[in-house]
Amino acid sequence: MVSFHFILREPAGFAAKAAGDLVGAALKCSSKVTILDGEKSGDAKQIFHVMCLSARENDDIELRLEGPDEVAEARTLEQYVRERF
């Protein structure tokens, strides 16, 4: 398992557009991708799970990847979220 954190900089949190962008990036990963915000977690490949976190601007978000290519996919996904969010 590989994980990384980022601070959500979206004023609306993970509203539909931002959640969709994250899900689209996570779907490119063959690894299982879990999103965590505090004690809440969900499958980052499911838009409903991401939106139900009710993440807000400045929340510390964690993404965990588990799979055979987790290290490379985590690097790619981390770069994407740091640029996008």
N, C-alpha and C. Protein backbone atom coordinates (compact mmCIF):
# COMPACT_ATOMS: atom_id res chain seq x y z
N MET A 1 0.84 -1.18 0.00
CA MET A 1 0.00 0.00 0.00
C MET A 1 0.89 1.25 0.00
N VAL A 2 0.50 2.20 -0.83
CA VAL A 2 1.17 3.49 -0.92
C VAL A 2 0.11 4.56 -0.71
N SER A 3 0.46 5.60 0.03
CA SER A 3 -0.52 6.69 0.23
C SER A 3 0.16 8.04 0.17
N PHE A 4 -0.64 9.05 -0.06
CA PHE A 4 -0.16 10.43 -0.02
C PHE A 4 -1.32 11.33 0.39
N HIS A 5 -0.96 12.49 0.89
CA HIS A 5 -1.93 13.48 1.34
C HIS A 5 -1.85 14.73 0.46
N PHE A 6 -2.96 15.44 0.38
CA PHE A 6 -2.96 16.75 -0.25
C PHE A 6 -4.06 17.58 0.39
N ILE A 7 -3.90 18.89 0.32
CA ILE A 7 -4.89 19.82 0.85
C ILE A 7 -5.83 20.20 -0.28
N LEU A 8 -7.11 20.00 -0.07
CA LEU A 8 -8.12 20.31 -1.08
C LEU A 8 -8.26 21.82 -1.20
N ARG A 9 -8.00 22.37 -2.37
CA ARG A 9 -8.04 23.82 -2.61
C ARG A 9 -9.27 24.26 -3.39
N GLU A 10 -10.23 23.37 -3.57
CA GLU A 10 -11.47 23.70 -4.29
C GLU A 10 -12.44 24.40 -3.34
N PRO A 11 -12.86 25.63 -3.65
CA PRO A 11 -13.81 26.34 -2.77
C PRO A 11 -15.10 25.56 -2.53
N ALA A 12 -15.55 24.79 -3.51
CA ALA A 12 -16.78 24.02 -3.37
C ALA A 12 -16.53 22.60 -2.88
N GLY A 13 -15.29 22.28 -2.50
CA GLY A 13 -14.96 20.92 -2.08
C GLY A 13 -15.04 19.98 -3.27
N PHE A 14 -15.43 18.75 -3.03
CA PHE A 14 -15.58 17.78 -4.12
C PHE A 14 -17.01 17.82 -4.63
N ALA A 15 -17.38 18.94 -5.24
CA ALA A 15 -18.67 19.04 -5.92
C ALA A 15 -18.56 18.20 -7.20
N ALA A 16 -19.60 18.16 -8.00
CA ALA A 16 -19.67 17.25 -9.15
C ALA A 16 -18.46 17.35 -10.08
N LYS A 17 -18.06 18.53 -10.48
CA LYS A 17 -16.95 18.68 -11.44
C LYS A 17 -15.64 18.17 -10.86
N ALA A 18 -15.31 18.63 -9.66
CA ALA A 18 -14.05 18.21 -9.03
C ALA A 18 -14.06 16.71 -8.73
N ALA A 19 -15.18 16.21 -8.23
CA ALA A 19 -15.28 14.77 -7.95
C ALA A 19 -15.13 13.97 -9.23
N GLY A 20 -15.76 14.42 -10.30
CA GLY A 20 -15.65 13.74 -11.59
C GLY A 20 -14.23 13.72 -12.11
N ASP A 21 -13.52 14.83 -11.92
CA ASP A 21 -12.13 14.89 -12.36
C ASP A 21 -11.27 13.89 -11.59
N LEU A 22 -11.48 13.82 -10.27
CA LEU A 22 -10.70 12.89 -9.46
C LEU A 22 -11.03 11.44 -9.84
N VAL A 23 -12.29 11.14 -9.99
CA VAL A 23 -12.71 9.78 -10.37
C VAL A 23 -12.11 9.41 -11.72
N GLY A 24 -12.13 10.32 -12.67
CA GLY A 24 -11.55 10.05 -13.98
C GLY A 24 -10.07 9.71 -13.89
N ALA A 25 -9.35 10.42 -13.04
CA ALA A 25 -7.92 10.13 -12.86
C ALA A 25 -7.73 8.79 -12.15
N ALA A 26 -8.55 8.51 -11.15
CA ALA A 26 -8.44 7.25 -10.40
C ALA A 26 -8.77 6.05 -11.28
N LEU A 27 -9.71 6.21 -12.19
CA LEU A 27 -10.10 5.11 -13.08
C LEU A 27 -8.96 4.68 -14.01
N LYS A 28 -7.99 5.54 -14.22
CA LYS A 28 -6.84 5.20 -15.06
C LYS A 28 -5.88 4.27 -14.34
N CYS A 29 -6.06 4.12 -13.03
CA CYS A 29 -5.18 3.27 -12.22
C CYS A 29 -5.72 1.84 -12.17
N SER A 30 -4.84 0.88 -12.29
CA SER A 30 -5.25 -0.51 -12.12
C SER A 30 -5.35 -0.87 -10.64
N SER A 31 -4.70 -0.07 -9.79
CA SER A 31 -4.73 -0.30 -8.35
C SER A 31 -6.07 0.10 -7.76
N LYS A 32 -6.37 -0.47 -6.60
CA LYS A 32 -7.52 -0.03 -5.81
C LYS A 32 -7.14 1.34 -5.25
N VAL A 33 -8.03 2.34 -5.38
CA VAL A 33 -7.74 3.68 -4.90
C VAL A 33 -8.82 4.05 -3.88
N THR A 34 -8.39 4.31 -2.65
CA THR A 34 -9.29 4.69 -1.57
C THR A 34 -9.03 6.13 -1.21
N ILE A 35 -10.10 6.90 -1.02
CA ILE A 35 -9.99 8.29 -0.61
C ILE A 35 -10.45 8.41 0.83
N LEU A 36 -9.71 9.18 1.62
CA LEU A 36 -10.03 9.36 3.02
C LEU A 36 -10.03 10.84 3.38
N ASP A 37 -11.01 11.23 4.18
CA ASP A 37 -11.10 12.58 4.73
C ASP A 37 -11.48 12.42 6.19
N GLY A 38 -10.49 12.51 7.05
CA GLY A 38 -10.74 12.24 8.46
C GLY A 38 -11.08 10.77 8.64
N GLU A 39 -12.21 10.49 9.26
CA GLU A 39 -12.62 9.11 9.49
C GLU A 39 -13.49 8.56 8.37
N LYS A 40 -13.84 9.40 7.40
CA LYS A 40 -14.68 8.98 6.27
C LYS A 40 -13.78 8.49 5.14
N SER A 41 -14.25 7.43 4.47
CA SER A 41 -13.47 6.90 3.35
C SER A 41 -14.41 6.34 2.29
N GLY A 42 -13.87 6.14 1.11
CA GLY A 42 -14.66 5.58 0.02
C GLY A 42 -13.77 5.19 -1.14
N ASP A 43 -14.38 4.59 -2.13
CA ASP A 43 -13.70 4.17 -3.35
C ASP A 43 -13.56 5.40 -4.25
N ALA A 44 -12.32 5.79 -4.54
CA ALA A 44 -12.08 6.99 -5.35
C ALA A 44 -12.47 6.79 -6.81
N LYS A 45 -12.87 5.60 -7.18
CA LYS A 45 -13.31 5.34 -8.56
C LYS A 45 -14.83 5.43 -8.69
N GLN A 46 -15.50 5.81 -7.60
CA GLN A 46 -16.96 5.93 -7.59
C GLN A 46 -17.33 7.36 -7.21
N ILE A 47 -17.95 8.09 -8.13
CA ILE A 47 -18.25 9.50 -7.89
C ILE A 47 -19.13 9.70 -6.65
N PHE A 48 -20.06 8.80 -6.43
CA PHE A 48 -20.93 8.91 -5.26
C PHE A 48 -20.12 8.83 -3.97
N HIS A 49 -19.13 7.94 -3.93
CA HIS A 49 -18.29 7.81 -2.74
C HIS A 49 -17.49 9.09 -2.49
N VAL A 50 -16.94 9.66 -3.54
CA VAL A 50 -16.14 10.88 -3.40
C VAL A 50 -17.02 12.04 -2.93
N MET A 51 -18.18 12.20 -3.53
CA MET A 51 -19.05 13.30 -3.15
C MET A 51 -19.63 13.13 -1.75
N CYS A 52 -19.86 11.90 -1.32
CA CYS A 52 -20.43 11.65 0.01
C CYS A 52 -19.44 11.91 1.14
N LEU A 53 -18.18 12.10 0.81
CA LEU A 53 -17.22 12.47 1.86
C LEU A 53 -17.53 13.86 2.42
N SER A 54 -18.21 14.66 1.61
CA SER A 54 -18.51 16.05 1.97
C SER A 54 -17.24 16.83 2.32
N ALA A 55 -16.19 16.55 1.56
CA ALA A 55 -14.92 17.24 1.79
C ALA A 55 -15.07 18.72 1.48
N ARG A 56 -14.37 19.52 2.26
CA ARG A 56 -14.44 20.97 2.12
C ARG A 56 -13.07 21.54 1.78
N GLU A 57 -13.08 22.75 1.34
CA GLU A 57 -11.82 23.45 1.05
C GLU A 57 -10.93 23.40 2.29
N ASN A 58 -9.66 23.15 2.09
CA ASN A 58 -8.62 23.07 3.11
C ASN A 58 -8.63 21.77 3.92
N ASP A 59 -9.47 20.80 3.56
CA ASP A 59 -9.42 19.49 4.21
C ASP A 59 -8.15 18.76 3.76
N ASP A 60 -7.60 17.98 4.67
CA ASP A 60 -6.44 17.13 4.38
C ASP A 60 -6.98 15.80 3.84
N ILE A 61 -6.77 15.57 2.57
CA ILE A 61 -7.28 14.38 1.89
C ILE A 61 -6.15 13.38 1.72
N GLU A 62 -6.45 12.12 1.96
CA GLU A 62 -5.47 11.06 1.75
C GLU A 62 -5.97 10.14 0.64
N LEU A 63 -5.08 9.74 -0.23
CA LEU A 63 -5.37 8.73 -1.25
C LEU A 63 -4.45 7.54 -0.99
N ARG A 64 -5.04 6.34 -0.93
CA ARG A 64 -4.28 5.10 -0.73
C ARG A 64 -4.44 4.23 -1.96
N LEU A 65 -3.34 3.71 -2.44
CA LEU A 65 -3.37 2.83 -3.60
C LEU A 65 -2.83 1.46 -3.20
N GLU A 66 -3.50 0.42 -3.68
CA GLU A 66 -3.07 -0.96 -3.44
C GLU A 66 -3.16 -1.73 -4.74
N GLY A 67 -2.03 -2.26 -5.17
CA GLY A 67 -2.02 -3.03 -6.40
C GLY A 67 -0.60 -3.23 -6.89
N PRO A 68 -0.44 -4.00 -7.94
CA PRO A 68 0.91 -4.32 -8.43
C PRO A 68 1.68 -3.11 -8.95
N ASP A 69 0.99 -2.09 -9.45
CA ASP A 69 1.66 -0.89 -9.98
C ASP A 69 1.43 0.32 -9.09
N GLU A 70 1.19 0.09 -7.80
CA GLU A 70 0.79 1.16 -6.89
C GLU A 70 1.79 2.31 -6.79
N VAL A 71 3.08 2.02 -6.82
CA VAL A 71 4.07 3.08 -6.66
C VAL A 71 4.05 4.03 -7.85
N ALA A 72 4.12 3.49 -9.05
CA ALA A 72 4.10 4.34 -10.25
C ALA A 72 2.78 5.07 -10.38
N GLU A 73 1.67 4.38 -10.12
CA GLU A 73 0.36 5.01 -10.23
C GLU A 73 0.17 6.09 -9.17
N ALA A 74 0.71 5.87 -7.98
CA ALA A 74 0.61 6.88 -6.93
C ALA A 74 1.35 8.15 -7.34
N ARG A 75 2.52 7.99 -7.93
CA ARG A 75 3.28 9.17 -8.38
C ARG A 75 2.50 9.96 -9.43
N THR A 76 1.93 9.25 -10.38
CA THR A 76 1.16 9.91 -11.44
C THR A 76 -0.09 10.59 -10.87
N LEU A 77 -0.81 9.89 -10.01
CA LEU A 77 -2.03 10.44 -9.42
C LEU A 77 -1.71 11.62 -8.50
N GLU A 78 -0.63 11.51 -7.74
CA GLU A 78 -0.24 12.61 -6.86
C GLU A 78 0.09 13.86 -7.66
N GLN A 79 0.83 13.71 -8.73
CA GLN A 79 1.16 14.85 -9.58
C GLN A 79 -0.12 15.50 -10.12
N TYR A 80 -1.05 14.67 -10.55
CA TYR A 80 -2.31 15.19 -11.09
C TYR A 80 -3.09 15.97 -10.03
N VAL A 81 -3.28 15.40 -8.85
CA VAL A 81 -4.10 16.09 -7.84
C VAL A 81 -3.42 17.36 -7.33
N ARG A 82 -2.12 17.37 -7.27
CA ARG A 82 -1.42 18.58 -6.81
C ARG A 82 -1.56 19.71 -7.85
N GLU A 83 -1.60 19.36 -9.11
CA GLU A 83 -1.80 20.36 -10.16
C GLU A 83 -3.26 20.80 -10.25
N ARG A 84 -4.18 19.85 -10.09
CA ARG A 84 -5.62 20.13 -10.29
C ARG A 84 -6.32 20.68 -9.05
N PHE A 85 -5.98 20.16 -7.88
CA PHE A 85 -6.70 20.54 -6.67
C PHE A 85 -5.86 21.38 -5.75
